[in-house]
């Protein structure tokens, strides 16, 4: 009797091990952190631009009319509201893109 293992038994064992690993292995989902950071920076910039434009328009109108900073306050608040609205629209767009990517990845499985 030889001490060499049976090649067929080893192949069968390897197939069973691989099948067990495939069942227990979670689906690997790739997360692109640069895309998430890009989306976050986009929303921050949209908010800052909205507030800055509102501030600039309000300051200009106050200087033009010689009023107290009523236009400055009013247009800064309007710029803030516009920035928030734009951020929410961008967030919905990014969420829709992520949902499409998830559906595509699920279809490929």
Protein backbone atom coordinates (compact mmCIF):
# COMPACT_ATOMS: atom_id res chain seq x y z
CA UNK A 1 0.00 0.00 0.00
CA UNK A 2 1.42 3.39 -0.95
CA UNK A 3 1.28 6.59 1.08
CA UNK A 4 0.33 8.74 -1.96
CA UNK A 5 -3.14 10.32 -1.70
CA UNK A 6 -5.78 9.54 -4.25
CA UNK A 7 -5.87 12.43 -6.83
CA UNK A 8 -9.61 12.00 -7.37
CA UNK A 9 -10.29 12.30 -3.64
CA UNK A 10 -8.13 15.45 -3.44
CA UNK A 11 -9.98 17.05 -6.37
CA UNK A 12 -13.30 16.18 -4.75
CA UNK A 13 -12.15 17.69 -1.45
CA UNK A 14 -10.95 20.88 -3.18
CA UNK A 15 -14.32 21.22 -4.95
CA UNK A 16 -16.21 20.84 -1.66
CA UNK A 17 -13.96 23.42 0.06
CA UNK A 18 -14.47 25.92 -2.77
CA UNK A 19 -18.25 25.37 -2.68
CA UNK A 20 -18.31 25.97 1.08
CA UNK A 21 -16.24 29.16 0.70
CA UNK A 22 -18.54 30.46 -2.02
CA UNK A 23 -21.61 29.98 0.18
CA UNK A 24 -20.10 31.72 3.21
CA UNK A 25 -18.30 34.49 1.36
CA UNK A 26 -20.24 37.77 1.39
CA UNK A 27 -20.76 39.55 -1.88
CA UNK A 28 -17.92 42.01 -2.27
CA UNK A 29 -19.21 45.49 -2.97
CA UNK A 30 -16.72 48.00 -4.23
CA UNK A 31 -17.15 51.46 -2.75
CA UNK A 32 -15.46 54.26 -4.61
CA UNK A 33 -14.52 56.74 -1.88
CA UNK A 34 -13.36 59.35 -4.37
CA UNK A 35 -16.84 59.50 -5.88
CA UNK A 36 -18.40 59.97 -2.45
CA UNK A 37 -15.93 62.73 -1.59
CA UNK A 38 -16.55 64.39 -4.94
CA UNK A 39 -20.31 64.41 -4.25
CA UNK A 40 -19.79 65.84 -0.77
CA UNK A 41 -17.53 68.62 -2.03
CA UNK A 42 -20.01 69.40 -4.79
CA UNK A 43 -22.78 69.92 -2.25
CA UNK A 44 -20.59 72.05 0.05
CA UNK A 45 -19.55 74.26 -2.86
CA UNK A 46 -23.17 74.66 -3.97
CA UNK A 47 -24.16 75.85 -0.50
CA UNK A 48 -21.23 78.26 -0.16
CA UNK A 49 -21.83 79.71 -3.64
CA UNK A 50 -25.52 80.23 -2.87
CA UNK A 51 -24.78 82.06 0.37
CA UNK A 52 -21.96 84.05 -1.25
CA UNK A 53 -24.08 85.18 -4.17
CA UNK A 54 -26.92 86.16 -1.85
CA UNK A 55 -24.50 88.10 0.34
CA UNK A 56 -22.96 89.87 -2.65
CA UNK A 57 -26.30 90.84 -4.17
CA UNK A 58 -27.62 92.06 -0.82
CA UNK A 59 -24.48 94.06 -0.11
CA UNK A 60 -24.60 95.61 -3.56
CA UNK A 61 -28.25 96.59 -3.25
CA UNK A 62 -27.69 98.08 0.21
CA UNK A 63 -24.81 100.12 -1.18
CA UNK A 64 -26.85 101.19 -4.20
CA UNK A 65 -29.90 102.29 -2.23
CA UNK A 66 -28.04 103.44 0.90
CA UNK A 67 -30.23 101.34 3.16
CA UNK A 68 -29.54 99.53 6.36
CA UNK A 69 -28.41 95.94 5.79
CA UNK A 70 -31.95 94.73 5.13
CA UNK A 71 -31.13 93.54 1.60
CA UNK A 72 -27.92 91.93 2.87
CA UNK A 73 -29.85 89.85 5.41
CA UNK A 74 -32.71 89.10 3.03
CA UNK A 75 -30.57 87.97 0.11
CA UNK A 76 -28.16 86.02 2.33
CA UNK A 77 -31.12 84.02 3.65
CA UNK A 78 -32.46 83.57 0.12
CA UNK A 79 -29.01 82.41 -1.03
CA UNK A 80 -28.88 79.94 1.84
CA UNK A 81 -32.31 78.56 0.88
CA UNK A 82 -31.25 78.30 -2.77
CA UNK A 83 -28.04 76.50 -1.74
CA UNK A 84 -29.97 74.00 0.36
CA UNK A 85 -32.43 73.39 -2.48
CA UNK A 86 -29.58 72.80 -4.92
CA UNK A 87 -27.85 70.46 -2.44
CA UNK A 88 -31.03 68.41 -2.09
CA UNK A 89 -31.36 68.14 -5.85
CA UNK A 90 -27.74 67.00 -6.13
CA UNK A 91 -28.22 64.45 -3.35
CA UNK A 92 -31.23 63.00 -5.16
CA UNK A 93 -29.21 62.82 -8.39
CA UNK A 94 -26.32 61.03 -6.65
CA UNK A 95 -28.76 58.63 -4.96
CA UNK A 96 -30.35 57.79 -8.32
CA UNK A 97 -26.91 57.12 -9.83
CA UNK A 98 -26.03 54.82 -6.91
CA UNK A 99 -29.32 52.95 -7.29
CA UNK A 100 -28.62 52.40 -11.01
CA UNK A 101 -25.13 51.13 -10.20
CA UNK A 102 -26.50 48.76 -7.55
CA UNK A 103 -29.12 47.40 -9.96
CA UNK A 104 -26.45 46.92 -12.63
CA UNK A 105 -24.16 45.09 -10.18
CA UNK A 106 -27.05 42.90 -9.03
CA UNK A 107 -27.93 42.04 -12.63
CA UNK A 108 -24.33 41.04 -13.35
CA UNK A 109 -24.30 38.50 -10.50
